[in-house]
Amino acid sequence: MAKPKAPEAERPRTLASQTLFRGLDIVEAVAAGIDTVPALSAHTGITSSTTHRIASALVHAGYLRFEPRRGYRLGNKLIELGFLAYRQIDLPRVARPALEALASETQDTVHLAVADGWEVMYLDKLPGQRAIEISSRIGGRKPICVTGVGKALLLDQDEAAWQAQLEHYQSRVSSHPVDAAAWLARMHDYARLGYAFDLEDDTPQIRCVAAPIYDASQRIVAAISVSSTTKYMSRERMLELVPSVKNAAAQISRQLGWSGDTRG
């Protein structure tokens, strides 16, 4: 028995959807480095004539560009849309599920912070389930050099930038001297390992484990941390928490477009 024909209103919609998804397949293939019609056709399974037609339309709309002898490249329209999408991201909202899961797992205070000049600014704070008080607050600021999230925010910078941060801190807070050589050695270790510790650097008896958050540019844009008192945060437990903190940071990073790669 023959199948009934789709209503007239549905057939153009189905065709349009098919063309849309084919166009997206072609854009993704170009993003992966495939740059000629034959190669795009072979990769996507779309006929050469259709591939050429869709690619030409995408060039006309600015989503692709075509360069003689170099082939297809991503167009400026995608860059524009990418920046618009990035500006529309609400980082605390995007990060909240991962932060809540981390707070539930650890029972400790969890922070989300960004860099603002010589300081970190806390965007979110989830109090722990233990009877302790961490002095940070949402909207509050602390020096980058002595906080776990601050050190994590610096991990993709070079030693000159680290030294500038430390010198500024020491010029402002002479009552809290820092051993520069030891601090820089720790920063090199943290940069190599992808996490940072606060070993009572900011507040006596308070320690934390922090990890950076990356965006689509593969650069650090924020950091998260788990904080508690030394009673609950031995050196051994801090090392045990590292995978969980890094995993939560990676979850958030992927939602910001991070590919999983970092620059040296």
Protein backbone atom coordinates (compact mmCIF):
# COMPACT_ATOMS: atom_id res chain seq x y z
CA MET A 1 0.00 0.00 0.00
CA ALA A 2 1.44 3.36 -0.99
CA LYS A 3 2.27 5.76 1.82
CA PRO A 4 0.16 8.90 1.92
CA LYS A 5 1.90 11.98 0.61
CA ALA A 6 3.00 14.56 3.10
CA PRO A 7 0.86 17.68 3.22
CA GLU A 8 2.03 20.37 0.83
CA ALA A 9 2.98 22.68 3.72
CA GLU A 10 5.34 20.05 5.21
CA ARG A 11 7.33 19.14 2.08
CA PRO A 12 9.06 22.53 1.62
CA ARG A 13 9.81 22.59 5.35
CA THR A 14 11.46 19.16 5.18
CA LEU A 15 13.47 20.20 2.13
CA ALA A 16 14.53 23.41 3.83
CA SER A 17 15.62 21.48 6.93
CA GLN A 18 17.63 19.08 4.80
CA THR A 19 19.37 21.97 3.06
CA LEU A 20 20.05 23.66 6.40
CA PHE A 21 21.70 20.58 7.88
CA ARG A 22 23.72 20.03 4.71
CA GLY A 23 24.93 23.62 4.96
CA LEU A 24 25.93 23.09 8.58
CA ASP A 25 27.77 19.90 7.62
CA ILE A 26 29.72 21.84 5.02
CA VAL A 27 30.58 24.64 7.46
CA GLU A 28 31.82 22.10 10.02
CA ALA A 29 33.87 20.32 7.35
CA VAL A 30 35.51 23.61 6.34
CA ALA A 31 36.21 24.30 10.02
CA ALA A 32 37.99 20.93 10.12
CA GLY A 33 40.27 22.02 7.26
CA ILE A 34 38.51 20.51 4.24
CA ASP A 35 38.68 23.20 1.56
CA THR A 36 37.68 21.93 -1.90
CA VAL A 37 34.35 20.90 -3.39
CA PRO A 38 35.47 17.31 -4.18
CA ALA A 39 36.83 16.85 -0.67
CA LEU A 40 33.76 18.42 0.93
CA SER A 41 31.51 16.23 -1.20
CA ALA A 42 33.42 13.08 -0.21
CA HIS A 43 33.42 14.04 3.47
CA THR A 44 29.74 14.98 3.74
CA GLY A 45 28.27 12.51 1.25
CA ILE A 46 26.58 15.36 -0.61
CA THR A 47 26.83 15.38 -4.40
CA SER A 48 29.45 17.69 -5.90
CA SER A 49 26.87 19.88 -7.63
CA THR A 50 24.85 20.34 -4.45
CA THR A 51 28.01 20.91 -2.42
CA HIS A 52 29.10 23.64 -4.82
CA ARG A 53 25.66 25.26 -4.79
CA ILE A 54 25.39 25.31 -0.98
CA ALA A 55 29.00 26.43 -0.50
CA SER A 56 28.47 29.29 -2.98
CA ALA A 57 25.36 30.38 -1.07
CA LEU A 58 27.31 30.28 2.20
CA VAL A 59 30.05 32.42 0.64
CA HIS A 60 27.43 34.92 -0.54
CA ALA A 61 25.97 35.09 2.97
CA GLY A 62 29.39 35.55 4.59
CA TYR A 63 29.51 32.25 6.45
CA LEU A 64 32.31 30.97 4.19
CA ARG A 65 34.87 32.70 1.99
CA PHE A 66 36.62 31.34 -1.06
CA GLU A 67 40.25 32.12 -1.92
CA PRO A 68 41.72 31.04 -5.26
CA ARG A 69 44.37 28.33 -4.85
CA ARG A 70 43.53 28.08 -1.14
CA GLY A 71 39.92 26.98 -1.26
CA TYR A 72 37.19 27.54 1.30
CA ARG A 73 37.71 29.17 4.70
CA LEU A 74 35.34 30.18 7.46
CA GLY A 75 33.75 33.58 6.83
CA ASN A 76 33.66 36.74 8.89
CA LYS A 77 29.98 36.25 9.65
CA LEU A 78 30.88 33.30 11.88
CA ILE A 79 33.41 35.42 13.76
CA GLU A 80 30.74 38.08 14.32
CA LEU A 81 28.21 35.53 15.52
CA GLY A 82 30.81 33.87 17.73
CA PHE A 83 31.55 37.13 19.56
CA LEU A 84 27.83 37.82 19.94
CA ALA A 85 27.26 34.34 21.37
CA TYR A 86 30.17 34.79 23.78
CA ARG A 87 28.85 38.13 25.04
CA GLN A 88 25.48 36.53 25.70
CA ILE A 89 26.95 33.87 27.97
CA ASP A 90 25.96 34.28 31.61
CA LEU A 91 28.99 32.66 33.26
CA PRO A 92 27.52 32.18 36.75
CA ARG A 93 24.39 30.58 35.27
CA VAL A 94 26.42 28.33 32.96
CA ALA A 95 28.76 27.32 35.79
CA ARG A 96 26.12 26.78 38.49
CA PRO A 97 25.30 23.08 37.84
CA ALA A 98 28.98 22.08 37.95
CA LEU A 99 29.53 24.21 41.07
CA GLU A 100 26.54 22.67 42.82
CA ALA A 101 27.73 19.16 42.00
CA LEU A 102 31.21 19.98 43.28
CA ALA A 103 29.85 21.51 46.50
CA SER A 104 27.65 18.45 47.07
CA GLU A 105 30.55 16.08 46.45
CA THR A 106 33.06 17.88 48.68
CA GLN A 107 30.74 19.45 51.31
CA ASP A 108 33.06 22.44 51.19
CA THR A 109 32.73 26.06 50.05
CA VAL A 110 32.97 26.49 46.28
CA HIS A 111 33.88 29.73 44.49
CA LEU A 112 33.73 31.07 40.94
CA ALA A 113 35.96 34.07 40.23
CA VAL A 114 37.40 36.19 37.42
CA ALA A 115 40.45 38.44 37.20
CA ASP A 116 40.03 42.20 37.43
CA GLY A 117 43.41 43.87 37.19
CA TRP A 118 45.43 43.02 40.29
CA GLU A 119 42.49 41.33 42.01
CA VAL A 120 40.05 38.49 41.72
CA MET A 121 36.34 39.20 41.85
CA TYR A 122 34.00 36.49 43.13
CA LEU A 123 31.03 35.86 40.85
CA ASP A 124 29.49 33.05 42.86
CA LYS A 125 29.90 31.31 46.20
CA LEU A 126 28.25 28.13 47.44
CA PRO A 127 28.68 27.71 51.21
CA GLY A 128 29.81 24.32 52.39
CA GLN A 129 27.98 21.96 54.71
CA ARG A 130 30.57 22.20 57.46
CA ALA A 131 30.31 24.54 60.47
CA ILE A 132 32.98 26.94 59.26
CA GLU A 133 32.98 30.45 57.83
CA ILE A 134 34.90 31.56 54.73
CA SER A 135 35.20 35.37 54.57
CA SER A 136 34.71 35.71 50.79
CA ARG A 137 31.47 37.08 49.32
CA ILE A 138 29.89 37.43 45.90
CA GLY A 139 31.14 40.69 44.41
CA GLY A 140 34.03 40.76 46.85
CA ARG A 141 37.66 41.13 45.80
CA LYS A 142 41.01 39.83 46.96
CA PRO A 143 44.58 40.05 45.65
CA ILE A 144 45.36 37.59 42.87
CA CYS A 145 48.72 36.47 44.29
CA VAL A 146 47.48 34.99 47.56
CA THR A 147 44.26 33.25 46.52
CA GLY A 148 43.87 29.85 44.91
CA VAL A 149 41.54 31.15 42.21
CA GLY A 150 43.93 34.04 41.61
CA LYS A 151 46.88 31.76 40.98
CA ALA A 152 44.71 29.57 38.72
CA LEU A 153 43.76 32.66 36.69
CA LEU A 154 47.46 33.32 36.00
CA LEU A 155 48.45 29.86 34.80
CA ASP A 156 48.54 30.69 31.08
CA GLN A 157 50.68 33.81 31.60
CA ASP A 158 54.47 33.97 31.62
CA GLU A 159 56.87 34.52 34.49
CA ALA A 160 57.17 38.23 33.74
CA ALA A 161 53.42 38.64 34.28
CA TRP A 162 53.62 36.62 37.49
CA GLN A 163 56.46 38.79 38.78
CA ALA A 164 54.52 41.95 37.96
CA GLN A 165 51.54 40.67 39.95
CA LEU A 166 53.73 39.73 42.91
CA GLU A 167 55.65 43.02 42.90
CA HIS A 168 52.40 45.00 42.84
CA TYR A 169 51.03 42.94 45.74
CA GLN A 170 54.20 43.36 47.82
CA SER A 171 54.20 47.12 47.19
CA ARG A 172 50.66 47.35 48.53
CA VAL A 173 50.73 44.79 51.36
CA SER A 174 54.13 45.14 53.00
CA SER A 175 52.79 43.55 56.19
CA HIS A 176 52.37 40.22 54.40
CA PRO A 177 55.78 39.36 52.89
CA VAL A 178 55.99 36.64 50.26
CA ASP A 179 59.09 34.61 49.39
CA ALA A 180 59.28 35.50 45.70
CA ALA A 181 61.50 32.59 44.66
CA ALA A 182 59.30 30.03 46.41
CA TRP A 183 56.11 31.62 45.05
CA LEU A 184 57.42 31.61 41.48
CA ALA A 185 58.57 27.99 41.82
CA ARG A 186 55.07 27.04 42.95
CA MET A 187 53.55 28.92 40.02
CA HIS A 188 55.71 26.98 37.56
CA ASP A 189 54.55 23.73 39.17
CA TYR A 190 50.91 24.82 39.07
CA ALA A 191 51.15 25.88 35.42
CA ARG A 192 52.61 22.48 34.53
CA LEU A 193 49.97 20.56 36.50
CA GLY A 194 46.91 22.69 35.64
CA TYR A 195 45.75 23.59 39.14
CA ALA A 196 46.71 25.85 42.07
CA PHE A 197 46.66 25.76 45.86
CA ASP A 198 46.08 28.38 48.52
CA LEU A 199 48.16 27.13 51.45
CA GLU A 200 46.95 29.67 54.00
CA ASP A 201 48.49 32.38 51.78
CA ASP A 202 45.50 34.69 52.19
CA THR A 203 43.93 33.71 55.53
CA PRO A 204 45.42 31.59 58.34
CA GLN A 205 43.85 28.13 58.62
CA ILE A 206 42.12 28.41 55.23
CA ARG A 207 43.28 26.32 52.27
CA CYS A 208 41.81 25.76 48.83
CA VAL A 209 42.23 23.83 45.59
CA ALA A 210 41.60 25.80 42.39
CA ALA A 211 41.50 25.17 38.65
CA PRO A 212 41.21 27.46 35.62
CA ILE A 213 38.26 27.78 33.21
CA TYR A 214 39.02 28.26 29.51
CA ASP A 215 36.88 29.67 26.71
CA ALA A 216 36.79 29.12 22.95
CA SER A 217 40.01 31.10 22.50
CA GLN A 218 41.73 28.44 24.67
CA ARG A 219 42.67 31.12 27.20
CA ILE A 220 41.84 31.28 30.90
CA VAL A 221 38.79 33.46 31.62
CA ALA A 222 37.75 32.35 35.13
CA ALA A 223 38.60 29.91 37.89
CA ILE A 224 36.86 27.81 40.50
CA SER A 225 37.99 26.60 43.90
CA VAL A 226 37.06 24.39 46.84
CA SER A 227 37.91 25.97 50.20
CA SER A 228 37.92 24.77 53.80
CA THR A 229 39.88 24.97 57.04
CA THR A 230 43.06 23.03 57.66
CA LYS A 231 41.02 20.67 59.86
CA TYR A 232 39.28 19.36 56.72
CA MET A 233 41.92 20.27 54.13
CA SER A 234 45.09 18.31 54.74
CA ARG A 235 47.75 18.24 52.03
CA GLU A 236 46.67 14.69 51.21
CA ARG A 237 43.02 15.65 50.79
CA MET A 238 43.97 18.64 48.66
CA LEU A 239 45.71 16.32 46.22
CA GLU A 240 42.69 13.99 46.29
CA LEU A 241 40.40 16.91 45.38
CA VAL A 242 42.45 18.00 42.36
CA PRO A 243 40.75 15.65 39.82
CA SER A 244 37.26 16.69 40.95
CA VAL A 245 38.03 20.42 40.79
CA LYS A 246 39.75 20.11 37.40
CA ASN A 247 36.86 18.03 36.05
CA ALA A 248 34.28 20.63 37.16
CA ALA A 249 36.37 23.40 35.58
CA ALA A 250 36.63 21.39 32.34
CA GLN A 251 32.84 20.90 32.25
CA ILE A 252 32.33 24.66 32.44
CA SER A 253 35.12 25.31 29.93
CA ARG A 254 33.53 23.02 27.35
CA GLN A 255 30.28 24.97 27.62
CA LEU A 256 32.28 28.12 26.80
CA GLY A 257 33.64 26.54 23.63
CA TRP A 258 36.93 25.16 24.95
CA SER A 259 38.29 22.40 22.74
CA GLY A 260 40.35 20.73 25.42
CA ASP A 261 43.66 22.23 24.28
CA THR A 262 45.73 24.85 26.07
CA ARG A 263 48.51 27.05 24.80
CA GLY A 264 51.95 27.00 26.26
